[in-house]
Amino acid sequence: MESTTRLDELESSGFIVIPIKGVSMNPLLYSYKSHVLIEKPEGRPKINDVVLYVRDDGTQVLHRIISFDGDIALIRGDNTYSLERVPVSSIKGVAKSFWRSGKENSHEISVNDRSYKCYVRFWNFIYPLRKFWFMLKSKLKRVVKRILKID
């Protein structure tokens, strides 16, 4: 029996449901608790879409489009602080909904849902504050390690 990959399944059926691994999309998506419905893109994805793309090393990543520079999408995870330049041709799917497993009140949330759109606007709006806090926290950790001489 031939094994199929997620990308093969996405190509043949037009959609896939994947579990999340990693923390780069916190607080929206949690590792081993969240699932995402991804569909093949219809045309060019839009700013704020959460997209599945493939890096040069073959790694499949789910992050948000922040802007475009021609045919390059500038992408970052909700819990990351640097942009990644991704050719639009490397984008294989677009998230359409998500949910968390293991929660009593878990329900599917569409990317068209009003509360989701508010989350996206708010999370992007406070990005400069989050980045500043992250940088400050990192510097404080280094100073404390030097003072306490921790390796």
N, C-alpha and C. Protein backbone atom coordinates (compact mmCIF):
# COMPACT_ATOMS: atom_id res chain seq x y z
N MET A 1 0.84 -1.18 0.00
CA MET A 1 0.00 0.00 0.00
C MET A 1 0.89 1.25 0.00
N GLU A 2 0.57 2.17 -0.86
CA GLU A 2 1.35 3.39 -1.01
C GLU A 2 0.94 4.41 0.05
N SER A 3 1.92 5.01 0.72
CA SER A 3 1.57 6.02 1.72
C SER A 3 1.38 7.37 1.04
N THR A 4 0.41 8.12 1.51
CA THR A 4 0.18 9.44 0.95
C THR A 4 0.55 10.48 2.01
N THR A 5 1.01 11.59 1.56
CA THR A 5 1.37 12.67 2.46
C THR A 5 0.18 13.62 2.61
N ARG A 6 0.29 14.51 3.57
CA ARG A 6 -0.76 15.52 3.75
C ARG A 6 -0.95 16.34 2.48
N LEU A 7 0.18 16.70 1.85
CA LEU A 7 0.08 17.52 0.65
C LEU A 7 -0.57 16.76 -0.50
N ASP A 8 -0.29 15.46 -0.60
CA ASP A 8 -0.95 14.64 -1.62
C ASP A 8 -2.46 14.60 -1.37
N GLU A 9 -2.81 14.43 -0.10
CA GLU A 9 -4.23 14.39 0.27
C GLU A 9 -4.91 15.73 -0.02
N LEU A 10 -4.23 16.82 0.31
CA LEU A 10 -4.77 18.15 0.03
C LEU A 10 -4.97 18.34 -1.47
N GLU A 11 -4.00 17.90 -2.25
CA GLU A 11 -4.09 18.03 -3.71
C GLU A 11 -5.24 17.20 -4.28
N SER A 12 -5.41 15.98 -3.77
CA SER A 12 -6.43 15.10 -4.34
C SER A 12 -7.84 15.41 -3.84
N SER A 13 -8.00 15.72 -2.55
CA SER A 13 -9.35 15.92 -2.03
C SER A 13 -9.73 17.40 -1.92
N GLY A 14 -8.75 18.29 -1.96
CA GLY A 14 -9.05 19.72 -1.86
C GLY A 14 -9.03 20.25 -0.44
N PHE A 15 -8.95 19.34 0.55
CA PHE A 15 -8.89 19.79 1.94
C PHE A 15 -8.23 18.72 2.79
N ILE A 16 -7.73 19.14 3.95
CA ILE A 16 -7.20 18.23 4.96
C ILE A 16 -7.51 18.81 6.34
N VAL A 17 -7.50 17.94 7.33
CA VAL A 17 -7.59 18.36 8.73
C VAL A 17 -6.29 17.92 9.37
N ILE A 18 -5.59 18.88 9.98
CA ILE A 18 -4.30 18.53 10.59
C ILE A 18 -4.28 18.92 12.06
N PRO A 19 -3.61 18.10 12.87
CA PRO A 19 -3.36 18.49 14.26
C PRO A 19 -2.17 19.45 14.29
N ILE A 20 -2.13 20.30 15.29
CA ILE A 20 -1.06 21.29 15.40
C ILE A 20 0.06 20.76 16.28
N LYS A 21 1.29 20.98 15.84
CA LYS A 21 2.48 20.70 16.65
C LYS A 21 3.28 21.98 16.70
N GLY A 22 3.71 22.40 17.88
CA GLY A 22 4.52 23.60 18.01
C GLY A 22 3.75 24.74 18.66
N VAL A 23 4.48 25.80 18.99
CA VAL A 23 3.90 26.92 19.72
C VAL A 23 3.87 28.23 18.92
N SER A 24 4.27 28.20 17.68
CA SER A 24 4.40 29.44 16.92
C SER A 24 3.07 30.13 16.64
N MET A 25 1.95 29.44 16.77
CA MET A 25 0.65 30.07 16.53
C MET A 25 -0.16 30.26 17.81
N ASN A 26 0.48 30.11 18.98
CA ASN A 26 -0.21 30.44 20.23
C ASN A 26 -0.54 31.93 20.21
N PRO A 27 -1.59 32.39 20.78
CA PRO A 27 -2.59 31.69 21.58
C PRO A 27 -3.78 31.17 20.77
N LEU A 28 -3.72 31.32 19.45
CA LEU A 28 -4.82 30.84 18.62
C LEU A 28 -4.85 29.32 18.57
N LEU A 29 -3.71 28.72 18.29
CA LEU A 29 -3.61 27.27 18.12
C LEU A 29 -2.60 26.70 19.11
N TYR A 30 -2.97 25.61 19.76
CA TYR A 30 -2.11 25.00 20.77
C TYR A 30 -1.63 23.62 20.32
N SER A 31 -0.37 23.36 20.59
CA SER A 31 0.26 22.10 20.21
C SER A 31 -0.48 20.92 20.82
N TYR A 32 -0.79 19.94 19.98
CA TYR A 32 -1.45 18.69 20.34
C TYR A 32 -2.88 18.88 20.86
N LYS A 33 -3.42 20.09 20.80
CA LYS A 33 -4.79 20.32 21.25
C LYS A 33 -5.67 20.89 20.15
N SER A 34 -5.06 21.56 19.18
CA SER A 34 -5.83 22.23 18.13
C SER A 34 -5.76 21.47 16.82
N HIS A 35 -6.83 21.59 16.06
CA HIS A 35 -6.91 21.02 14.72
C HIS A 35 -7.35 22.12 13.77
N VAL A 36 -6.87 22.03 12.53
CA VAL A 36 -7.18 23.05 11.53
C VAL A 36 -7.67 22.39 10.25
N LEU A 37 -8.75 22.95 9.70
CA LEU A 37 -9.24 22.53 8.39
C LEU A 37 -8.56 23.43 7.37
N ILE A 38 -7.84 22.81 6.45
CA ILE A 38 -7.10 23.56 5.43
C ILE A 38 -7.62 23.16 4.06
N GLU A 39 -7.84 24.17 3.22
CA GLU A 39 -8.29 23.94 1.85
C GLU A 39 -7.25 24.45 0.88
N LYS A 40 -7.27 23.88 -0.32
CA LYS A 40 -6.40 24.40 -1.38
C LYS A 40 -6.79 25.85 -1.63
N PRO A 41 -5.78 26.70 -1.86
CA PRO A 41 -6.12 28.12 -2.09
C PRO A 41 -6.85 28.30 -3.41
N GLU A 42 -7.84 29.17 -3.38
CA GLU A 42 -8.54 29.57 -4.61
C GLU A 42 -8.00 30.94 -4.97
N GLY A 43 -7.06 30.99 -5.87
CA GLY A 43 -6.42 32.25 -6.20
C GLY A 43 -5.34 32.58 -5.17
N ARG A 44 -4.95 33.82 -5.16
CA ARG A 44 -3.88 34.27 -4.26
C ARG A 44 -4.43 34.44 -2.84
N PRO A 45 -3.75 33.88 -1.83
CA PRO A 45 -4.19 34.10 -0.44
C PRO A 45 -4.15 35.58 -0.10
N LYS A 46 -4.84 35.96 0.97
CA LYS A 46 -4.94 37.36 1.37
C LYS A 46 -4.14 37.63 2.64
N ILE A 47 -3.88 38.90 2.88
CA ILE A 47 -3.25 39.31 4.14
C ILE A 47 -4.15 38.84 5.29
N ASN A 48 -3.53 38.35 6.34
CA ASN A 48 -4.15 37.79 7.55
C ASN A 48 -4.61 36.35 7.40
N ASP A 49 -4.53 35.78 6.20
CA ASP A 49 -4.84 34.35 6.07
C ASP A 49 -3.77 33.54 6.80
N VAL A 50 -4.20 32.47 7.44
CA VAL A 50 -3.26 31.49 8.00
C VAL A 50 -3.06 30.46 6.91
N VAL A 51 -1.81 30.27 6.50
CA VAL A 51 -1.53 29.43 5.34
C VAL A 51 -0.57 28.30 5.70
N LEU A 52 -0.71 27.20 4.98
CA LEU A 52 0.22 26.08 5.05
C LEU A 52 1.19 26.25 3.90
N TYR A 53 2.48 26.33 4.23
CA TYR A 53 3.49 26.46 3.19
C TYR A 53 4.63 25.50 3.45
N VAL A 54 5.44 25.31 2.42
CA VAL A 54 6.54 24.37 2.50
C VAL A 54 7.85 25.14 2.37
N ARG A 55 8.71 24.97 3.37
CA ARG A 55 10.04 25.60 3.32
C ARG A 55 10.93 24.83 2.36
N ASP A 56 12.08 25.41 2.02
CA ASP A 56 13.02 24.77 1.10
C ASP A 56 13.47 23.40 1.59
N ASP A 57 13.53 23.22 2.93
CA ASP A 57 13.97 21.93 3.48
C ASP A 57 12.85 20.90 3.56
N GLY A 58 11.65 21.27 3.08
CA GLY A 58 10.52 20.35 3.07
C GLY A 58 9.61 20.46 4.29
N THR A 59 9.99 21.27 5.27
CA THR A 59 9.17 21.45 6.47
C THR A 59 7.86 22.14 6.10
N GLN A 60 6.75 21.61 6.62
CA GLN A 60 5.45 22.22 6.41
C GLN A 60 5.12 23.10 7.61
N VAL A 61 4.75 24.35 7.34
CA VAL A 61 4.55 25.34 8.39
C VAL A 61 3.20 26.01 8.21
N LEU A 62 2.56 26.31 9.35
CA LEU A 62 1.28 27.01 9.35
C LEU A 62 1.49 28.35 10.06
N HIS A 63 1.49 29.45 9.29
CA HIS A 63 1.68 30.80 9.83
C HIS A 63 0.77 31.78 9.10
N ARG A 64 0.77 33.03 9.57
CA ARG A 64 -0.13 34.06 9.06
C ARG A 64 0.59 34.99 8.07
N ILE A 65 -0.10 35.34 6.99
CA ILE A 65 0.43 36.31 6.03
C ILE A 65 0.27 37.71 6.63
N ILE A 66 1.37 38.46 6.69
CA ILE A 66 1.36 39.81 7.22
C ILE A 66 1.27 40.83 6.09
N SER A 67 1.98 40.57 5.00
CA SER A 67 1.93 41.47 3.84
C SER A 67 2.53 40.76 2.64
N PHE A 68 2.57 41.47 1.52
CA PHE A 68 3.17 40.93 0.29
C PHE A 68 4.23 41.90 -0.22
N ASP A 69 5.23 41.33 -0.86
CA ASP A 69 6.24 42.09 -1.59
C ASP A 69 6.32 41.43 -2.96
N GLY A 70 5.44 41.85 -3.86
CA GLY A 70 5.33 41.20 -5.17
C GLY A 70 4.79 39.80 -5.01
N ASP A 71 5.55 38.81 -5.51
CA ASP A 71 5.13 37.41 -5.39
C ASP A 71 5.71 36.73 -4.16
N ILE A 72 6.15 37.53 -3.20
CA ILE A 72 6.68 37.02 -1.94
C ILE A 72 5.71 37.39 -0.82
N ALA A 73 5.29 36.40 -0.04
CA ALA A 73 4.45 36.66 1.13
C ALA A 73 5.35 36.83 2.34
N LEU A 74 5.10 37.86 3.13
CA LEU A 74 5.82 38.06 4.39
C LEU A 74 4.94 37.43 5.47
N ILE A 75 5.48 36.40 6.13
CA ILE A 75 4.70 35.53 7.00
C ILE A 75 5.36 35.42 8.36
N ARG A 76 4.54 35.33 9.41
CA ARG A 76 5.06 35.02 10.74
C ARG A 76 3.97 34.33 11.54
N GLY A 77 4.40 33.56 12.53
CA GLY A 77 3.47 32.93 13.45
C GLY A 77 2.95 33.97 14.43
N ASP A 78 1.79 33.72 15.02
CA ASP A 78 1.22 34.66 15.98
C ASP A 78 2.09 34.80 17.22
N ASN A 79 2.92 33.80 17.49
CA ASN A 79 3.77 33.79 18.68
C ASN A 79 5.25 33.93 18.31
N THR A 80 5.53 34.49 17.14
CA THR A 80 6.91 34.70 16.72
C THR A 80 7.13 36.17 16.41
N TYR A 81 8.40 36.55 16.26
CA TYR A 81 8.71 37.97 16.15
C TYR A 81 9.60 38.29 14.96
N SER A 82 9.70 37.39 14.02
CA SER A 82 10.46 37.68 12.81
C SER A 82 9.63 37.23 11.61
N LEU A 83 9.83 37.95 10.51
CA LEU A 83 9.12 37.64 9.28
C LEU A 83 9.89 36.63 8.45
N GLU A 84 9.16 35.81 7.76
CA GLU A 84 9.76 34.86 6.82
C GLU A 84 9.26 35.24 5.43
N ARG A 85 10.16 35.27 4.47
CA ARG A 85 9.82 35.58 3.09
C ARG A 85 9.52 34.26 2.37
N VAL A 86 8.29 34.12 1.92
CA VAL A 86 7.83 32.86 1.33
C VAL A 86 7.26 33.13 -0.06
N PRO A 87 7.80 32.47 -1.09
CA PRO A 87 7.19 32.62 -2.42
C PRO A 87 5.73 32.16 -2.37
N VAL A 88 4.86 32.90 -3.01
CA VAL A 88 3.44 32.54 -3.03
C VAL A 88 3.26 31.13 -3.58
N SER A 89 4.13 30.71 -4.48
CA SER A 89 4.04 29.36 -5.05
C SER A 89 4.29 28.27 -4.01
N SER A 90 4.90 28.60 -2.87
CA SER A 90 5.15 27.62 -1.81
C SER A 90 3.96 27.44 -0.89
N ILE A 91 2.94 28.30 -1.04
CA ILE A 91 1.73 28.20 -0.21
C ILE A 91 0.83 27.13 -0.80
N LYS A 92 0.55 26.11 0.00
CA LYS A 92 -0.20 24.96 -0.49
C LYS A 92 -1.64 24.93 0.00
N GLY A 93 -1.94 25.65 1.09
CA GLY A 93 -3.29 25.62 1.63
C GLY A 93 -3.57 26.83 2.50
N VAL A 94 -4.88 27.07 2.72
CA VAL A 94 -5.34 28.18 3.53
C VAL A 94 -6.28 27.64 4.60
N ALA A 95 -6.06 28.05 5.85
CA ALA A 95 -6.93 27.61 6.95
C ALA A 95 -8.31 28.20 6.78
N LYS A 96 -9.33 27.35 6.99
CA LYS A 96 -10.72 27.80 6.88
C LYS A 96 -11.44 27.75 8.23
N SER A 97 -10.99 26.87 9.13
CA SER A 97 -11.58 26.81 10.47
C SER A 97 -10.64 26.04 11.37
N PHE A 98 -10.90 26.11 12.69
CA PHE A 98 -10.07 25.42 13.66
C PHE A 98 -10.89 25.12 14.90
N TRP A 99 -10.39 24.20 15.70
CA TRP A 99 -11.03 23.85 16.97
C TRP A 99 -10.01 23.19 17.87
N ARG A 100 -10.32 23.15 19.15
CA ARG A 100 -9.45 22.50 20.13
C ARG A 100 -10.12 21.22 20.59
N SER A 101 -9.34 20.16 20.62
CA SER A 101 -9.87 18.89 21.12
C SER A 101 -9.68 18.85 22.63
N GLY A 102 -10.46 18.04 23.30
CA GLY A 102 -10.31 17.84 24.73
C GLY A 102 -10.97 18.90 25.58
N LYS A 103 -11.62 19.88 24.98
CA LYS A 103 -12.33 20.89 25.75
C LYS A 103 -13.81 20.57 25.71
N GLU A 104 -14.45 20.69 26.86
CA GLU A 104 -15.88 20.40 26.93
C GLU A 104 -16.69 21.28 25.99
N ASN A 105 -16.34 22.55 25.95
CA ASN A 105 -17.10 23.48 25.12
C ASN A 105 -16.43 23.75 23.78
N SER A 106 -15.62 22.82 23.31
CA SER A 106 -14.91 23.00 22.05
C SER A 106 -15.90 23.04 20.88
N HIS A 107 -15.69 23.99 20.01
CA HIS A 107 -16.51 24.09 18.81
C HIS A 107 -15.66 24.66 17.68
N GLU A 108 -16.10 24.39 16.49
CA GLU A 108 -15.36 24.85 15.32
C GLU A 108 -15.56 26.35 15.14
N ILE A 109 -14.46 27.04 14.86
CA ILE A 109 -14.52 28.48 14.62
C ILE A 109 -14.06 28.74 13.19
N SER A 110 -14.90 29.37 12.43
CA SER A 110 -14.59 29.70 11.04
C SER A 110 -13.71 30.95 11.00
N VAL A 111 -12.87 31.04 9.97
CA VAL A 111 -12.07 32.25 9.79
C VAL A 111 -12.96 33.42 9.38
N ASN A 112 -14.20 33.16 9.05
CA ASN A 112 -15.15 34.22 8.72
C ASN A 112 -15.93 34.70 9.95
N ASP A 113 -15.70 34.04 11.08
CA ASP A 113 -16.39 34.38 12.32
C ASP A 113 -15.96 35.77 12.79
N ARG A 114 -16.90 36.53 13.27
CA ARG A 114 -16.63 37.91 13.72
C ARG A 114 -15.61 37.95 14.86
N SER A 115 -15.72 37.04 15.81
CA SER A 115 -14.79 37.05 16.95
C SER A 115 -13.36 36.72 16.49
N TYR A 116 -13.23 35.83 15.51
CA TYR A 116 -11.91 35.51 14.97
C TYR A 116 -11.30 36.74 14.29
N LYS A 117 -12.09 37.44 13.50
CA LYS A 117 -11.59 38.63 12.81
C LYS A 117 -11.16 39.70 13.81
N CYS A 118 -11.90 39.83 14.92
CA CYS A 118 -11.51 40.78 15.97
C CYS A 118 -10.19 40.36 16.60
N TYR A 119 -10.03 39.05 16.85
CA TYR A 119 -8.77 38.54 17.41
C TYR A 119 -7.60 38.91 16.49
N VAL A 120 -7.76 38.67 15.20
CA VAL A 120 -6.68 38.94 14.25
C VAL A 120 -6.30 40.41 14.25
N ARG A 121 -7.30 41.28 14.20
CA ARG A 121 -7.01 42.72 14.21
C ARG A 121 -6.32 43.12 15.50
N PHE A 122 -6.82 42.66 16.64
CA PHE A 122 -6.23 43.00 17.94
C PHE A 122 -4.80 42.47 18.05
N TRP A 123 -4.60 41.20 17.68
CA TRP A 123 -3.29 40.57 17.84
C TRP A 123 -2.24 41.26 16.96
N ASN A 124 -2.62 41.65 15.76
CA ASN A 124 -1.70 42.37 14.88
C ASN A 124 -1.46 43.80 15.39
N PHE A 125 -2.48 44.43 15.96
CA PHE A 125 -2.36 45.78 16.48
C PHE A 125 -1.37 45.85 17.64
N ILE A 126 -1.39 44.85 18.52
CA ILE A 126 -0.50 44.89 19.69
C ILE A 126 0.86 44.26 19.40
N TYR A 127 1.12 43.88 18.16
CA TYR A 127 2.41 43.27 17.82
C TYR A 127 3.61 44.09 18.31
N PRO A 128 3.66 45.41 18.09
CA PRO A 128 4.84 46.16 18.56
C PRO A 128 5.04 46.03 20.08
N LEU A 129 3.96 46.02 20.83
CA LEU A 129 4.07 45.86 22.29
C LEU A 129 4.56 44.46 22.64
N ARG A 130 4.02 43.46 21.96
CA ARG A 130 4.45 42.08 22.22
C ARG A 130 5.93 41.91 21.88
N LYS A 131 6.37 42.49 20.76
CA LYS A 131 7.77 42.37 20.36
C LYS A 131 8.68 43.07 21.37
N PHE A 132 8.28 44.26 21.82
CA PHE A 132 9.07 44.98 22.82
C PHE A 132 9.17 44.15 24.09
N TRP A 133 8.05 43.59 24.56
CA TRP A 133 8.05 42.77 25.78
C TRP A 133 8.95 41.54 25.61
N PHE A 134 8.89 40.90 24.49
CA PHE A 134 9.72 39.73 24.21
C PHE A 134 11.21 40.11 24.27
N MET A 135 11.57 41.22 23.64
CA MET A 135 12.97 41.64 23.62
C MET A 135 13.43 42.02 25.03
N LEU A 136 12.59 42.74 25.78
CA LEU A 136 12.93 43.13 27.14
C LEU A 136 13.11 41.90 28.03
N LYS A 137 12.20 40.96 27.91
CA LYS A 137 12.27 39.73 28.70
C LYS A 137 13.54 38.94 28.38
N SER A 138 13.90 38.87 27.12
CA SER A 138 15.12 38.16 26.72
C SER A 138 16.36 38.82 27.31
N LYS A 139 16.42 40.14 27.25
CA LYS A 139 17.57 40.86 27.81
C LYS A 139 17.65 40.68 29.32
N LEU A 140 16.51 40.74 29.98
CA LEU A 140 16.49 40.55 31.44
C LEU A 140 16.98 39.16 31.83
N LYS A 141 16.60 38.15 31.07
CA LYS A 141 17.05 36.78 31.34
C LYS A 141 18.57 36.68 31.22
N ARG A 142 19.13 37.32 30.17
CA ARG A 142 20.59 37.29 29.99
C ARG A 142 21.31 37.99 31.14
N VAL A 143 20.77 39.12 31.58
CA VAL A 143 21.39 39.85 32.69
C VAL A 143 21.35 39.02 33.96
N VAL A 144 20.22 38.41 34.24
CA VAL A 144 20.08 37.59 35.45
C VAL A 144 21.05 36.41 35.38
N LYS A 145 21.18 35.78 34.22
CA LYS A 145 22.10 34.65 34.07
C LYS A 145 23.54 35.09 34.33
N ARG A 146 23.91 36.27 33.83
CA ARG A 146 25.27 36.78 34.06
C ARG A 146 25.51 37.07 35.54
N ILE A 147 24.52 37.67 36.17
CA ILE A 147 24.65 38.00 37.59
C ILE A 147 24.79 36.73 38.42
N LEU A 148 23.95 35.75 38.11
CA LEU A 148 23.98 34.50 38.87
C LEU A 148 24.97 33.49 38.32
N LYS A 149 25.62 33.85 37.21
CA LYS A 149 26.62 33.00 36.54
C LYS A 149 26.06 31.60 36.23
N ILE A 150 24.88 31.61 35.62
CA ILE A 150 24.23 30.38 35.21
C ILE A 150 24.58 30.12 33.76
N ASP A 151 24.91 28.87 33.41
CA ASP A 151 25.23 28.52 32.02
C ASP A 151 23.99 28.20 31.26
